[in-house]
N, C-alpha and C. Protein backbone atom coordinates (compact mmCIF):
# COMPACT_ATOMS: atom_id res chain seq x y z
N MET A 1 29.77 -69.98 21.04
CA MET A 1 29.42 -71.35 20.41
C MET A 1 27.81 -71.80 20.83
N ILE A 2 27.34 -72.71 19.83
CA ILE A 2 26.27 -73.20 20.54
C ILE A 2 26.14 -74.60 20.77
N ILE A 3 24.98 -75.12 21.33
CA ILE A 3 24.88 -76.38 21.90
C ILE A 3 24.02 -76.80 20.54
N ALA A 4 24.37 -77.91 19.59
CA ALA A 4 23.86 -78.34 18.41
C ALA A 4 22.97 -79.84 18.49
N ALA A 5 23.59 -80.24 19.84
CA ALA A 5 22.81 -81.58 19.83
C ALA A 5 22.99 -82.20 21.37
N ARG A 6 22.10 -83.04 21.96
CA ARG A 6 22.20 -83.55 23.10
C ARG A 6 21.94 -84.83 23.03
N TYR A 7 22.40 -85.97 23.88
CA TYR A 7 22.17 -87.14 23.82
C TYR A 7 22.19 -87.58 25.41
N SER A 8 21.18 -88.36 25.63
CA SER A 8 21.04 -88.66 27.17
C SER A 8 21.57 -90.03 27.45
N PHE A 9 22.76 -90.44 27.93
CA PHE A 9 22.90 -91.96 28.15
C PHE A 9 22.50 -92.20 29.63
N ASN A 10 21.96 -93.28 29.53
CA ASN A 10 21.64 -93.94 30.80
C ASN A 10 20.66 -92.92 31.65
N LYS A 11 19.88 -92.14 30.92
CA LYS A 11 18.85 -91.30 31.42
C LYS A 11 19.67 -90.04 32.06
N GLY A 12 20.70 -89.72 31.18
CA GLY A 12 21.80 -88.60 31.98
C GLY A 12 21.03 -87.24 31.84
N ALA A 13 20.24 -86.97 30.78
CA ALA A 13 19.52 -85.64 30.65
C ALA A 13 18.45 -85.42 31.64
N GLU A 14 17.72 -86.53 32.23
CA GLU A 14 16.53 -86.49 33.04
C GLU A 14 17.77 -86.13 34.62
N ALA A 15 18.44 -86.82 34.79
CA ALA A 15 19.34 -86.75 36.13
C ALA A 15 20.04 -85.57 36.22
N VAL A 16 20.54 -85.08 35.18
CA VAL A 16 21.09 -83.37 35.09
C VAL A 16 19.73 -82.49 35.47
N THR A 17 18.73 -82.48 34.81
CA THR A 17 17.85 -81.50 34.70
C THR A 17 16.88 -81.68 36.19
N GLU A 18 17.09 -82.89 36.70
CA GLU A 18 16.34 -83.19 37.95
C GLU A 18 17.14 -82.54 39.47
N LYS A 19 18.39 -82.90 39.29
CA LYS A 19 19.35 -82.58 40.38
C LYS A 19 20.19 -81.29 40.11
N TYR A 20 20.58 -80.98 38.80
CA TYR A 20 21.54 -79.72 39.05
C TYR A 20 21.15 -78.87 37.80
N PRO A 21 19.64 -78.33 37.68
CA PRO A 21 19.55 -77.46 36.64
C PRO A 21 20.37 -76.35 36.62
N HIS A 22 20.74 -75.86 37.85
CA HIS A 22 21.43 -74.53 37.99
C HIS A 22 22.96 -74.96 37.46
N LEU A 23 23.36 -75.80 37.47
CA LEU A 23 25.05 -75.97 37.19
C LEU A 23 24.76 -76.38 35.56
N LEU A 24 23.88 -77.13 34.94
CA LEU A 24 23.58 -77.05 33.57
C LEU A 24 23.71 -75.69 32.99
N GLY A 25 22.70 -75.07 33.74
CA GLY A 25 22.75 -73.24 32.90
C GLY A 25 24.17 -72.54 33.22
N GLU A 26 24.84 -72.98 34.15
CA GLU A 26 26.51 -72.43 34.07
C GLU A 26 27.14 -73.01 32.92
N ILE A 27 26.96 -74.26 32.68
CA ILE A 27 27.70 -74.71 31.83
C ILE A 27 27.11 -74.41 30.31
N GLU A 28 25.89 -74.17 30.01
CA GLU A 28 25.52 -73.66 28.90
C GLU A 28 25.81 -72.17 28.37
N ALA A 29 25.81 -71.52 29.64
CA ALA A 29 26.33 -69.92 29.85
C ALA A 29 27.83 -70.05 29.21
N ALA A 30 28.51 -70.88 29.70
CA ALA A 30 29.80 -70.60 29.57
C ALA A 30 30.33 -71.32 28.06
N ILE A 31 29.58 -71.88 27.50
CA ILE A 31 29.50 -72.53 25.83
C ILE A 31 29.27 -71.20 25.21
N ALA A 32 28.13 -70.54 25.52
CA ALA A 32 27.59 -69.48 24.58
C ALA A 32 28.47 -68.47 24.53
N THR A 33 29.36 -67.90 25.70
CA THR A 33 30.28 -66.97 25.80
C THR A 33 31.39 -67.15 24.55
N VAL A 34 31.66 -68.33 24.20
CA VAL A 34 32.83 -68.40 23.49
C VAL A 34 32.46 -67.86 22.03
N ASN A 35 33.47 -67.26 21.51
CA ASN A 35 33.51 -66.88 20.09
C ASN A 35 34.42 -67.86 19.52
N ALA A 36 33.91 -68.70 18.68
CA ALA A 36 34.80 -69.72 18.22
C ALA A 36 35.92 -69.26 17.26
N GLU A 37 35.34 -68.28 16.44
CA GLU A 37 36.24 -67.74 15.18
C GLU A 37 37.48 -67.17 15.58
N GLN A 38 37.41 -66.82 17.04
CA GLN A 38 38.69 -66.30 17.56
C GLN A 38 39.61 -67.27 17.72
N HIS A 39 39.36 -68.39 18.09
CA HIS A 39 39.98 -69.46 18.14
C HIS A 39 40.68 -70.46 16.97
N ARG A 40 40.39 -69.78 15.72
CA ARG A 40 40.57 -70.40 14.60
C ARG A 40 42.06 -70.06 14.45
N THR A 41 43.01 -70.43 14.90
CA THR A 41 44.39 -69.88 15.20
C THR A 41 45.37 -70.93 14.65
N LYS A 42 45.11 -72.22 14.56
CA LYS A 42 46.31 -73.23 13.71
C LYS A 42 46.20 -73.43 12.62
N GLU A 43 47.39 -72.87 12.00
CA GLU A 43 47.85 -73.19 10.58
C GLU A 43 48.00 -74.62 10.34
N SER A 44 47.00 -75.20 9.46
CA SER A 44 47.34 -76.70 9.04
C SER A 44 48.58 -77.13 8.28
N LYS A 45 49.10 -78.23 8.77
CA LYS A 45 50.23 -78.42 8.02
C LYS A 45 50.20 -79.92 7.44
N GLU A 46 48.70 -80.49 7.41
CA GLU A 46 48.50 -81.69 6.64
C GLU A 46 48.21 -81.37 5.51
N LYS A 47 48.81 -82.46 4.68
CA LYS A 47 48.46 -82.30 3.18
C LYS A 47 47.36 -81.96 2.49
N THR A 48 46.25 -82.52 3.20
CA THR A 48 44.92 -82.26 2.72
C THR A 48 44.28 -81.20 3.03
N MET A 49 44.93 -80.31 3.82
CA MET A 49 44.59 -78.85 4.43
C MET A 49 45.55 -78.16 4.42
N LEU A 50 46.70 -78.04 3.76
CA LEU A 50 47.75 -77.52 3.95
C LEU A 50 47.26 -75.82 4.00
N GLY A 51 47.87 -75.17 4.78
CA GLY A 51 47.70 -73.77 5.37
C GLY A 51 46.54 -72.98 5.36
N GLN A 52 45.67 -73.88 5.63
CA GLN A 52 44.22 -73.50 5.94
C GLN A 52 44.16 -73.40 7.46
N MET A 53 43.26 -72.19 7.81
CA MET A 53 43.53 -71.79 9.36
C MET A 53 42.31 -72.73 9.91
N LEU A 54 42.70 -73.38 11.04
CA LEU A 54 41.72 -74.36 12.21
C LEU A 54 41.49 -73.93 13.17
N PHE A 55 40.29 -74.53 13.64
CA PHE A 55 39.99 -74.06 15.05
C PHE A 55 41.38 -74.99 15.94
N SER A 56 41.68 -74.33 16.88
CA SER A 56 42.37 -75.00 17.97
C SER A 56 41.68 -75.67 19.02
N PRO A 57 41.67 -76.85 18.96
CA PRO A 57 41.32 -77.52 20.17
C PRO A 57 41.55 -77.16 21.61
N VAL A 58 43.05 -76.81 21.68
CA VAL A 58 43.53 -76.48 23.14
C VAL A 58 42.86 -75.15 23.22
N ASP A 59 42.83 -74.15 22.66
CA ASP A 59 42.39 -72.97 22.76
C ASP A 59 40.88 -72.90 23.22
N LEU A 60 39.97 -73.52 22.44
CA LEU A 60 38.56 -73.65 22.79
C LEU A 60 38.38 -74.53 23.86
N ASN A 61 39.29 -75.30 24.42
CA ASN A 61 39.10 -76.08 25.82
C ASN A 61 39.29 -75.13 26.77
N LYS A 62 40.30 -74.21 26.64
CA LYS A 62 40.62 -73.31 27.75
C LYS A 62 39.48 -72.19 27.77
N ALA A 63 39.12 -71.71 26.22
CA ALA A 63 38.06 -70.72 26.37
C ALA A 63 36.84 -71.12 27.24
N ILE A 64 36.35 -72.51 27.21
CA ILE A 64 35.23 -73.01 27.74
C ILE A 64 35.45 -72.90 29.23
N LYS A 65 36.71 -73.57 29.61
CA LYS A 65 37.05 -73.73 31.37
C LYS A 65 36.96 -72.34 32.01
N GLU A 66 37.70 -71.39 31.26
CA GLU A 66 37.96 -70.07 32.19
C GLU A 66 36.42 -69.65 32.68
N PRO A 67 35.46 -69.47 32.00
CA PRO A 67 34.09 -68.92 32.86
C PRO A 67 33.88 -70.07 33.89
N LEU A 68 33.91 -71.04 33.73
CA LEU A 68 33.50 -72.33 34.59
C LEU A 68 34.48 -72.14 35.82
N PHE A 69 35.64 -71.89 35.96
CA PHE A 69 36.69 -71.79 37.06
C PHE A 69 35.80 -70.54 37.84
N GLU A 70 35.60 -69.66 36.93
CA GLU A 70 35.02 -68.19 37.71
C GLU A 70 33.62 -68.33 38.37
N GLN A 71 33.33 -69.64 37.94
CA GLN A 71 31.78 -69.73 38.45
C GLN A 71 32.20 -70.92 40.01
N GLY A 72 33.20 -71.17 40.14
CA GLY A 72 33.34 -71.79 41.33
C GLY A 72 33.54 -73.44 41.22
N TRP A 73 33.83 -73.81 39.89
CA TRP A 73 34.05 -75.32 39.36
C TRP A 73 35.50 -75.59 39.57
N LEU A 74 35.88 -76.72 40.13
CA LEU A 74 37.10 -77.24 40.39
C LEU A 74 37.50 -78.09 39.62
N ASN A 75 38.83 -78.45 39.26
CA ASN A 75 39.12 -79.73 38.75
C ASN A 75 39.60 -80.66 39.65
N HIS A 76 39.17 -81.80 39.56
CA HIS A 76 39.70 -82.74 40.65
C HIS A 76 40.69 -83.98 40.29
N ARG A 77 41.61 -83.91 41.16
CA ARG A 77 42.72 -84.92 40.94
C ARG A 77 42.74 -86.11 42.09
N VAL A 78 42.84 -87.32 41.43
CA VAL A 78 43.16 -88.47 42.34
C VAL A 78 44.45 -89.08 42.13
N GLU A 79 45.12 -89.27 43.32
CA GLU A 79 46.50 -90.04 43.28
C GLU A 79 46.06 -91.37 43.42
N CYS A 80 46.96 -92.25 42.11
CA CYS A 80 46.82 -93.44 42.37
C CYS A 80 48.17 -94.13 42.42
N GLU A 81 48.17 -95.35 43.35
CA GLU A 81 49.28 -95.94 43.63
C GLU A 81 48.84 -97.27 42.95
N TYR A 82 49.65 -97.51 41.86
CA TYR A 82 49.41 -98.86 41.46
C TYR A 82 50.09 -99.91 41.59
N SER A 83 49.37 -101.22 41.76
CA SER A 83 49.96 -102.48 42.36
C SER A 83 51.02 -102.72 41.66
N THR A 84 51.93 -103.67 42.53
CA THR A 84 52.86 -104.09 41.57
C THR A 84 52.71 -105.81 41.98
N GLN A 85 51.76 -106.29 42.43
CA GLN A 85 51.45 -107.64 42.79
C GLN A 85 51.39 -108.69 41.50
N TYR A 86 51.16 -107.86 40.14
CA TYR A 86 50.81 -108.75 39.29
C TYR A 86 52.04 -108.64 38.30
N TYR A 87 53.01 -108.31 38.62
CA TYR A 87 54.64 -107.97 38.12
C TYR A 87 55.22 -109.78 38.50
N THR A 88 55.96 -109.64 37.82
CA THR A 88 56.86 -110.95 37.87
C THR A 88 57.74 -110.76 38.98
N LEU A 89 58.27 -111.85 39.61
CA LEU A 89 59.28 -111.53 40.92
C LEU A 89 60.51 -110.61 40.57
N GLU A 90 61.08 -111.27 39.30
CA GLU A 90 62.13 -110.39 38.75
C GLU A 90 62.09 -108.77 38.53
N TYR A 91 60.92 -108.83 37.88
CA TYR A 91 60.46 -107.44 37.33
C TYR A 91 60.10 -106.42 38.57
N ALA A 92 59.25 -106.99 39.39
CA ALA A 92 59.21 -106.18 40.77
C ALA A 92 60.24 -105.46 41.37
N ALA A 93 60.99 -106.46 41.42
CA ALA A 93 62.23 -105.82 42.30
C ALA A 93 62.89 -104.73 41.59
N SER A 94 62.92 -104.22 40.48
CA SER A 94 63.31 -103.24 39.65
C SER A 94 62.35 -101.91 39.63
N VAL A 95 61.39 -102.02 40.15
CA VAL A 95 60.37 -100.87 40.16
C VAL A 95 60.62 -99.94 41.48
N THR A 96 60.80 -98.76 41.34
CA THR A 96 61.28 -98.03 42.45
C THR A 96 59.72 -96.96 42.86
N GLU A 97 59.11 -96.63 41.78
CA GLU A 97 58.10 -95.88 41.83
C GLU A 97 57.08 -96.30 41.06
N ASN A 98 55.87 -96.22 41.55
CA ASN A 98 54.50 -96.61 40.52
C ASN A 98 53.22 -96.06 41.21
N VAL A 99 53.45 -94.40 40.95
CA VAL A 99 52.45 -93.48 41.24
C VAL A 99 51.84 -92.76 39.84
N GLY A 100 50.51 -92.67 39.85
CA GLY A 100 50.15 -91.81 38.73
C GLY A 100 48.76 -91.24 39.54
N PHE A 101 47.72 -90.47 38.38
CA PHE A 101 46.77 -89.85 38.80
C PHE A 101 45.69 -90.03 37.59
N ARG A 102 44.70 -89.64 38.18
CA ARG A 102 43.48 -89.65 37.31
C ARG A 102 42.53 -87.96 37.58
N ASP A 103 42.26 -87.33 36.65
CA ASP A 103 41.59 -86.07 37.00
C ASP A 103 40.42 -85.93 36.25
N MET A 104 39.54 -85.12 36.82
CA MET A 104 38.46 -84.63 36.00
C MET A 104 38.29 -83.43 35.83
N ASP A 105 37.71 -82.85 34.67
CA ASP A 105 38.23 -81.36 34.32
C ASP A 105 37.48 -80.52 35.25
N PHE A 106 36.20 -80.81 35.39
CA PHE A 106 35.77 -80.10 36.64
C PHE A 106 34.42 -80.83 37.61
N VAL A 107 34.40 -80.62 38.68
CA VAL A 107 33.49 -81.17 39.51
C VAL A 107 32.93 -79.82 40.34
N LYS A 108 31.51 -80.17 40.62
CA LYS A 108 30.94 -79.27 41.54
C LYS A 108 29.50 -79.61 41.87
N GLU A 109 29.38 -79.72 43.30
CA GLU A 109 28.55 -80.24 44.11
C GLU A 109 28.95 -81.80 43.61
N LYS A 110 27.98 -82.59 42.99
CA LYS A 110 28.26 -84.13 42.66
C LYS A 110 28.11 -83.95 41.02
N LEU A 111 28.27 -82.91 40.39
CA LEU A 111 28.18 -83.15 39.04
C LEU A 111 29.53 -83.06 38.51
N GLY A 112 30.04 -84.14 37.56
CA GLY A 112 31.33 -84.08 36.87
C GLY A 112 31.05 -83.64 35.47
N VAL A 113 32.35 -82.93 34.98
CA VAL A 113 32.18 -82.37 33.49
C VAL A 113 33.55 -82.71 33.04
N GLU A 114 33.23 -83.06 31.66
CA GLU A 114 34.55 -83.44 30.96
C GLU A 114 34.56 -82.84 29.47
N VAL A 115 35.36 -81.91 29.31
CA VAL A 115 35.43 -81.10 27.95
C VAL A 115 36.42 -81.76 27.17
N GLN A 116 35.82 -82.31 25.80
CA GLN A 116 36.83 -83.40 25.19
C GLN A 116 37.00 -82.63 23.61
N PHE A 117 38.14 -82.49 23.13
CA PHE A 117 38.33 -82.05 21.86
C PHE A 117 39.40 -83.20 21.32
N GLY A 118 39.43 -84.35 22.04
CA GLY A 118 40.35 -85.26 21.54
C GLY A 118 40.09 -86.44 20.73
N LYS A 119 40.78 -87.41 20.81
CA LYS A 119 40.57 -88.40 20.01
C LYS A 119 39.53 -89.47 20.36
N TYR A 120 38.81 -90.27 19.75
CA TYR A 120 37.53 -91.05 20.27
C TYR A 120 37.70 -91.78 21.45
N SER A 121 39.03 -92.50 21.44
CA SER A 121 39.40 -93.24 22.85
C SER A 121 39.13 -92.44 24.07
N PHE A 122 39.39 -91.17 24.08
CA PHE A 122 39.18 -90.51 25.14
C PHE A 122 37.73 -90.14 25.73
N MET A 123 36.86 -89.99 24.51
CA MET A 123 35.48 -89.93 24.90
C MET A 123 34.85 -91.05 25.18
N VAL A 124 35.15 -92.08 24.78
CA VAL A 124 34.45 -93.42 25.38
C VAL A 124 35.18 -93.52 26.82
N TYR A 125 36.38 -93.39 27.01
CA TYR A 125 37.08 -93.71 28.40
C TYR A 125 36.42 -92.88 29.31
N ASN A 126 36.24 -91.44 28.98
CA ASN A 126 35.47 -90.77 29.90
C ASN A 126 34.14 -91.17 30.30
N VAL A 127 33.39 -91.48 29.60
CA VAL A 127 31.96 -91.95 29.95
C VAL A 127 31.71 -93.48 30.39
N ALA A 128 32.55 -94.31 29.72
CA ALA A 128 32.73 -95.79 29.94
C ALA A 128 33.49 -96.14 31.34
N ALA A 129 34.48 -95.34 31.82
CA ALA A 129 35.22 -95.62 32.62
C ALA A 129 35.64 -94.65 33.79
N LYS A 130 36.10 -93.33 33.35
CA LYS A 130 36.61 -92.50 34.21
C LYS A 130 35.22 -91.99 34.98
N MET A 131 33.94 -91.93 34.38
CA MET A 131 33.04 -91.42 35.55
C MET A 131 32.49 -92.21 36.37
N THR A 132 32.60 -93.79 36.15
CA THR A 132 32.33 -94.65 36.74
C THR A 132 33.20 -94.82 38.03
N ILE A 133 34.50 -94.38 37.86
CA ILE A 133 35.60 -94.35 38.80
C ILE A 133 35.14 -93.30 39.67
N PHE A 134 35.06 -92.31 39.35
CA PHE A 134 34.99 -91.14 40.15
C PHE A 134 33.61 -91.09 41.05
N ARG A 135 32.56 -91.67 40.34
CA ARG A 135 31.29 -92.07 41.17
C ARG A 135 31.46 -93.09 42.19
N ASN A 136 32.39 -94.06 41.96
CA ASN A 136 32.63 -95.14 43.08
C ASN A 136 33.58 -94.55 44.10
N LEU A 137 34.35 -93.67 43.64
CA LEU A 137 35.38 -93.21 44.92
C LEU A 137 34.30 -91.92 45.65
N GLY A 138 32.93 -91.66 45.06
CA GLY A 138 32.09 -90.59 45.89
C GLY A 138 32.30 -89.66 45.48
N PHE A 139 33.03 -89.01 44.36
CA PHE A 139 33.04 -87.37 44.10
C PHE A 139 31.84 -87.07 42.93
N ILE A 140 31.08 -87.93 42.40
CA ILE A 140 30.31 -87.31 41.33
C ILE A 140 29.18 -88.52 41.46
N ASP A 141 27.79 -88.00 40.77
CA ASP A 141 26.60 -89.11 40.69
C ASP A 141 26.16 -89.01 39.47
N VAL A 142 26.60 -87.85 38.40
CA VAL A 142 26.12 -87.55 37.47
C VAL A 142 27.19 -87.07 36.58
N GLY A 143 27.06 -87.17 35.13
CA GLY A 143 28.16 -86.78 34.40
C GLY A 143 27.62 -85.76 33.16
N ILE A 144 28.47 -84.78 32.65
CA ILE A 144 28.13 -84.18 31.33
C ILE A 144 29.54 -84.23 30.59
N GLU A 145 29.31 -84.56 29.27
CA GLU A 145 30.40 -84.52 28.69
C GLU A 145 30.23 -83.64 27.33
N VAL A 146 31.30 -82.67 27.08
CA VAL A 146 31.09 -81.79 25.96
C VAL A 146 31.87 -82.31 24.96
N VAL A 147 31.50 -82.31 23.75
CA VAL A 147 32.19 -82.68 22.43
C VAL A 147 31.76 -81.92 21.33
N PRO A 148 32.65 -82.09 20.44
CA PRO A 148 32.04 -81.22 19.01
C PRO A 148 31.28 -81.93 18.22
N VAL A 149 30.47 -81.55 17.67
CA VAL A 149 29.65 -82.29 16.43
C VAL A 149 30.45 -82.28 15.31
N LYS A 150 30.04 -83.35 14.46
CA LYS A 150 30.94 -83.77 13.06
C LYS A 150 31.34 -82.46 12.40
N ARG A 151 30.72 -81.43 11.62
CA ARG A 151 30.75 -80.27 11.05
C ARG A 151 31.95 -79.36 12.08
N PHE A 152 31.86 -79.30 13.04
CA PHE A 152 32.98 -78.73 13.68
C PHE A 152 34.33 -79.16 13.67
N ALA A 153 34.06 -80.70 14.25
CA ALA A 153 35.50 -81.50 14.19
C ALA A 153 36.30 -81.41 12.70
N GLN A 154 35.55 -81.32 11.75
CA GLN A 154 36.13 -81.17 10.30
C GLN A 154 36.86 -80.03 10.17
N GLN A 155 36.75 -79.08 11.03
CA GLN A 155 37.40 -77.81 10.73
C GLN A 155 38.70 -77.65 11.94
N MET A 156 39.02 -78.79 12.37
CA MET A 156 40.13 -78.84 13.41
C MET A 156 41.13 -79.91 12.55
N SER A 157 42.01 -80.06 13.26
CA SER A 157 42.97 -81.32 12.98
C SER A 157 42.64 -82.55 12.91
N SER A 158 42.86 -83.22 11.78
CA SER A 158 42.40 -84.76 11.85
C SER A 158 42.54 -85.47 13.01
N GLY A 159 41.93 -86.55 13.32
CA GLY A 159 42.04 -87.31 14.51
C GLY A 159 40.92 -86.81 15.72
N VAL A 160 40.56 -85.66 15.63
CA VAL A 160 39.63 -85.06 16.60
C VAL A 160 38.18 -86.06 16.54
N SER A 161 37.66 -86.64 17.40
CA SER A 161 36.31 -87.25 17.20
C SER A 161 35.22 -86.51 17.51
N TYR A 162 33.97 -86.88 17.22
CA TYR A 162 32.97 -86.16 17.30
C TYR A 162 31.56 -86.62 17.90
N PHE A 163 30.41 -85.92 18.33
CA PHE A 163 29.48 -86.27 18.75
C PHE A 163 28.71 -87.39 17.94
N GLU A 164 28.40 -87.44 16.68
CA GLU A 164 27.74 -88.18 16.09
C GLU A 164 28.40 -89.83 16.04
N GLN A 165 29.55 -89.93 15.99
CA GLN A 165 30.41 -91.35 16.17
C GLN A 165 30.43 -91.51 17.69
N PHE A 166 30.48 -90.77 18.43
CA PHE A 166 30.46 -91.21 19.78
C PHE A 166 28.91 -91.76 20.35
N VAL A 167 27.94 -90.87 19.94
CA VAL A 167 26.71 -91.34 19.97
C VAL A 167 26.50 -92.63 19.29
N TRP A 168 26.59 -93.12 18.09
CA TRP A 168 26.32 -94.33 17.47
C TRP A 168 27.03 -95.45 18.24
N ASP A 169 28.25 -95.17 18.74
CA ASP A 169 29.00 -96.61 19.55
C ASP A 169 28.35 -96.78 20.77
N LEU A 170 27.81 -95.85 21.62
CA LEU A 170 27.25 -95.86 22.94
C LEU A 170 26.04 -96.45 22.67
N GLU A 171 25.05 -96.22 21.50
CA GLU A 171 23.94 -97.12 21.44
C GLU A 171 24.12 -98.43 21.00
N GLN A 172 25.02 -98.73 20.31
CA GLN A 172 25.06 -100.15 19.91
C GLN A 172 26.04 -100.89 21.08
N ARG A 173 26.64 -100.16 22.00
CA ARG A 173 27.35 -100.92 23.17
C ARG A 173 26.15 -100.85 23.92
N GLY A 174 25.25 -100.11 24.34
CA GLY A 174 24.09 -100.61 25.42
C GLY A 174 24.53 -99.96 26.94
N VAL A 175 23.68 -99.83 27.85
CA VAL A 175 24.06 -99.40 29.02
C VAL A 175 24.17 -100.75 29.93
N ALA A 176 25.15 -100.59 30.64
CA ALA A 176 25.58 -101.60 31.84
C ALA A 176 25.19 -101.13 33.07
N ASP A 177 25.01 -101.93 34.07
CA ASP A 177 24.57 -101.57 35.50
C ASP A 177 25.38 -100.64 36.12
N ILE A 178 26.62 -100.71 35.88
CA ILE A 178 27.76 -99.80 36.68
C ILE A 178 27.79 -98.32 36.01
N ASP A 179 27.16 -98.20 35.00
CA ASP A 179 27.19 -97.04 33.95
C ASP A 179 26.74 -95.89 34.86
N VAL A 180 27.24 -94.50 34.82
CA VAL A 180 26.76 -93.40 35.38
C VAL A 180 25.79 -92.78 34.44
N PRO A 181 24.83 -92.10 34.87
CA PRO A 181 23.89 -91.37 33.96
C PRO A 181 24.89 -89.83 33.34
N VAL A 182 24.68 -89.87 32.04
CA VAL A 182 25.59 -88.73 31.29
C VAL A 182 25.00 -88.02 30.34
N LEU A 183 24.82 -86.80 30.63
CA LEU A 183 24.26 -85.85 29.41
C LEU A 183 25.27 -85.70 28.34
N ILE A 184 25.51 -86.09 27.10
CA ILE A 184 26.55 -85.66 26.07
C ILE A 184 25.91 -84.39 25.59
N LEU A 185 26.73 -83.35 25.29
CA LEU A 185 26.49 -82.18 24.36
C LEU A 185 27.40 -81.74 23.65
N GLY A 186 26.65 -81.87 22.15
CA GLY A 186 27.57 -81.69 21.07
C GLY A 186 27.41 -80.13 20.53
N ILE A 187 28.61 -79.62 20.56
CA ILE A 187 28.81 -78.06 20.26
C ILE A 187 29.14 -77.93 18.93
N ASP A 188 28.89 -76.64 18.46
CA ASP A 188 29.59 -75.98 16.84
C ASP A 188 29.68 -74.67 17.37
N SER A 189 30.40 -74.21 16.33
CA SER A 189 31.02 -72.63 16.27
C SER A 189 29.58 -71.86 16.01
N GLU A 190 28.65 -72.40 15.23
CA GLU A 190 27.50 -71.73 14.71
C GLU A 190 26.45 -72.52 14.18
N ILE A 191 25.12 -72.06 14.25
CA ILE A 191 24.38 -72.61 13.18
C ILE A 191 24.43 -72.38 11.82
N PRO A 192 24.96 -73.33 10.96
CA PRO A 192 25.21 -73.03 9.63
C PRO A 192 24.40 -72.33 8.89
N GLY A 193 24.59 -71.31 8.02
CA GLY A 193 23.87 -70.57 7.19
C GLY A 193 23.49 -69.18 8.35
N GLN A 194 23.95 -68.96 9.35
CA GLN A 194 23.68 -68.13 10.36
C GLN A 194 24.66 -67.48 11.06
N THR A 195 25.62 -66.99 10.18
CA THR A 195 27.13 -66.68 10.49
C THR A 195 26.82 -65.01 11.00
N LYS A 196 27.33 -64.68 12.15
CA LYS A 196 27.12 -63.35 12.63
C LYS A 196 28.11 -62.41 12.05
N ARG A 197 27.99 -61.32 11.34
CA ARG A 197 29.29 -60.51 10.65
C ARG A 197 29.67 -59.78 11.68
N PRO A 198 30.87 -59.79 11.98
CA PRO A 198 31.60 -59.10 13.13
C PRO A 198 31.38 -57.65 12.92
N ARG A 199 31.40 -56.89 14.41
CA ARG A 199 31.02 -55.55 14.26
C ARG A 199 32.07 -54.79 13.77
N THR A 200 32.12 -53.88 12.86
CA THR A 200 33.32 -53.25 12.38
C THR A 200 32.95 -51.76 12.54
N LYS A 201 34.20 -50.90 12.60
CA LYS A 201 34.24 -49.55 12.50
C LYS A 201 34.11 -49.05 11.41
N PRO A 202 33.11 -48.20 10.94
CA PRO A 202 33.22 -47.63 9.72
C PRO A 202 34.25 -46.62 9.21
N VAL A 203 34.59 -46.41 8.12
CA VAL A 203 35.48 -45.80 7.83
C VAL A 203 35.04 -44.84 6.57
N VAL A 204 35.35 -43.31 6.90
CA VAL A 204 34.76 -42.34 6.40
C VAL A 204 36.07 -41.94 5.14
N THR A 205 35.61 -41.97 3.96
CA THR A 205 36.67 -41.52 2.98
C THR A 205 36.03 -40.20 2.34
N LYS A 206 36.71 -39.18 1.90
CA LYS A 206 36.44 -38.06 1.21
C LYS A 206 37.25 -37.60 0.21
N THR A 207 36.39 -37.45 -0.94
CA THR A 207 37.02 -37.17 -2.15
C THR A 207 36.75 -35.84 -2.72
N GLU A 208 37.76 -35.05 -3.16
CA GLU A 208 37.37 -33.70 -3.49
C GLU A 208 37.94 -33.42 -5.00
N ALA A 209 37.16 -32.75 -5.67
CA ALA A 209 37.48 -32.15 -7.17
C ALA A 209 37.59 -30.64 -7.08
N ARG A 210 38.94 -30.37 -7.70
CA ARG A 210 39.23 -29.00 -7.73
C ARG A 210 39.49 -28.62 -9.03
N GLU A 211 39.39 -27.33 -9.20
CA GLU A 211 39.59 -26.59 -10.31
C GLU A 211 40.30 -25.40 -9.99
N ASP A 212 41.35 -24.89 -10.53
CA ASP A 212 42.13 -23.47 -10.32
C ASP A 212 42.23 -23.55 -8.90
N GLY A 213 42.35 -24.37 -8.21
CA GLY A 213 42.78 -24.35 -6.71
C GLY A 213 41.60 -24.22 -5.99
N GLN A 214 40.34 -24.21 -6.57
CA GLN A 214 39.09 -23.97 -5.81
C GLN A 214 38.25 -25.24 -5.89
N LYS A 215 37.64 -25.93 -4.81
CA LYS A 215 36.89 -27.13 -4.51
C LYS A 215 35.79 -26.86 -5.33
N ILE A 216 35.65 -27.69 -6.43
CA ILE A 216 34.21 -27.61 -6.94
C ILE A 216 33.05 -28.74 -6.47
N SER A 217 33.76 -29.82 -6.15
CA SER A 217 32.54 -30.72 -5.39
C SER A 217 33.25 -31.75 -4.28
N GLU A 218 32.65 -32.56 -3.83
CA GLU A 218 33.09 -33.41 -2.38
C GLU A 218 32.21 -34.41 -2.43
N ILE A 219 32.85 -35.63 -2.62
CA ILE A 219 32.24 -36.94 -2.38
C ILE A 219 32.18 -37.57 -0.89
N VAL A 220 31.50 -38.14 0.13
CA VAL A 220 31.91 -38.49 1.20
C VAL A 220 31.38 -39.95 1.09
N SER A 221 32.23 -41.22 1.35
CA SER A 221 31.96 -42.25 1.33
C SER A 221 31.81 -43.06 2.70
N THR A 222 31.06 -44.17 2.88
CA THR A 222 31.35 -44.78 4.35
C THR A 222 31.47 -46.34 4.14
N GLN A 223 32.47 -46.97 4.50
CA GLN A 223 32.51 -48.30 4.40
C GLN A 223 32.82 -49.31 5.69
N SER A 224 32.89 -50.57 5.69
CA SER A 224 33.49 -51.04 6.83
C SER A 224 34.89 -51.60 6.62
N GLU A 225 35.60 -51.57 7.83
CA GLU A 225 36.92 -51.98 7.64
C GLU A 225 37.22 -53.36 7.18
């Protein structure tokens, strides 16, 4: 896959390149190792794309994460004990457990990374809420969000959001004092018009012409599988 677009939210690009250029290199390398076509494994059941083979967001997410785990990146989970003080007295008496968690895909040093092939609301939550929470808890100081560009998302199930929509809304929203610097990377399967043909094994075919049991000619042809 390729990095097709970059957006610096709250000077995120500057913060990442200044503090963590080596970690940015690891993320870029992990993205580049993924052959997206190997993850075009989901057969669509939607009426508008019935029977088409689409990219699997789950498989793509996993393919990016595996090389990062090998580089020492760790998922970071925080347990949350939710308050019951805002419940009514009658309702609070019936609640026996009120614990959840928040997690970030990757944290290394103090750089937090989220890989998101989901709905638009998750992308916004990651940048506008989750990263601020993890900064306030002392786990990160800068973030990177990896999302598909529109062309890539259109080859997935409907409902997957994309870089262009995400960036437009962030620009209209503006930057708040509590926002974390975040570099947003828009990825695609390839550069349009520059599809790499897969390497194939040549197949050699021999055709013989015989007359009275004697070979009189032989044609050898080679083609790809």
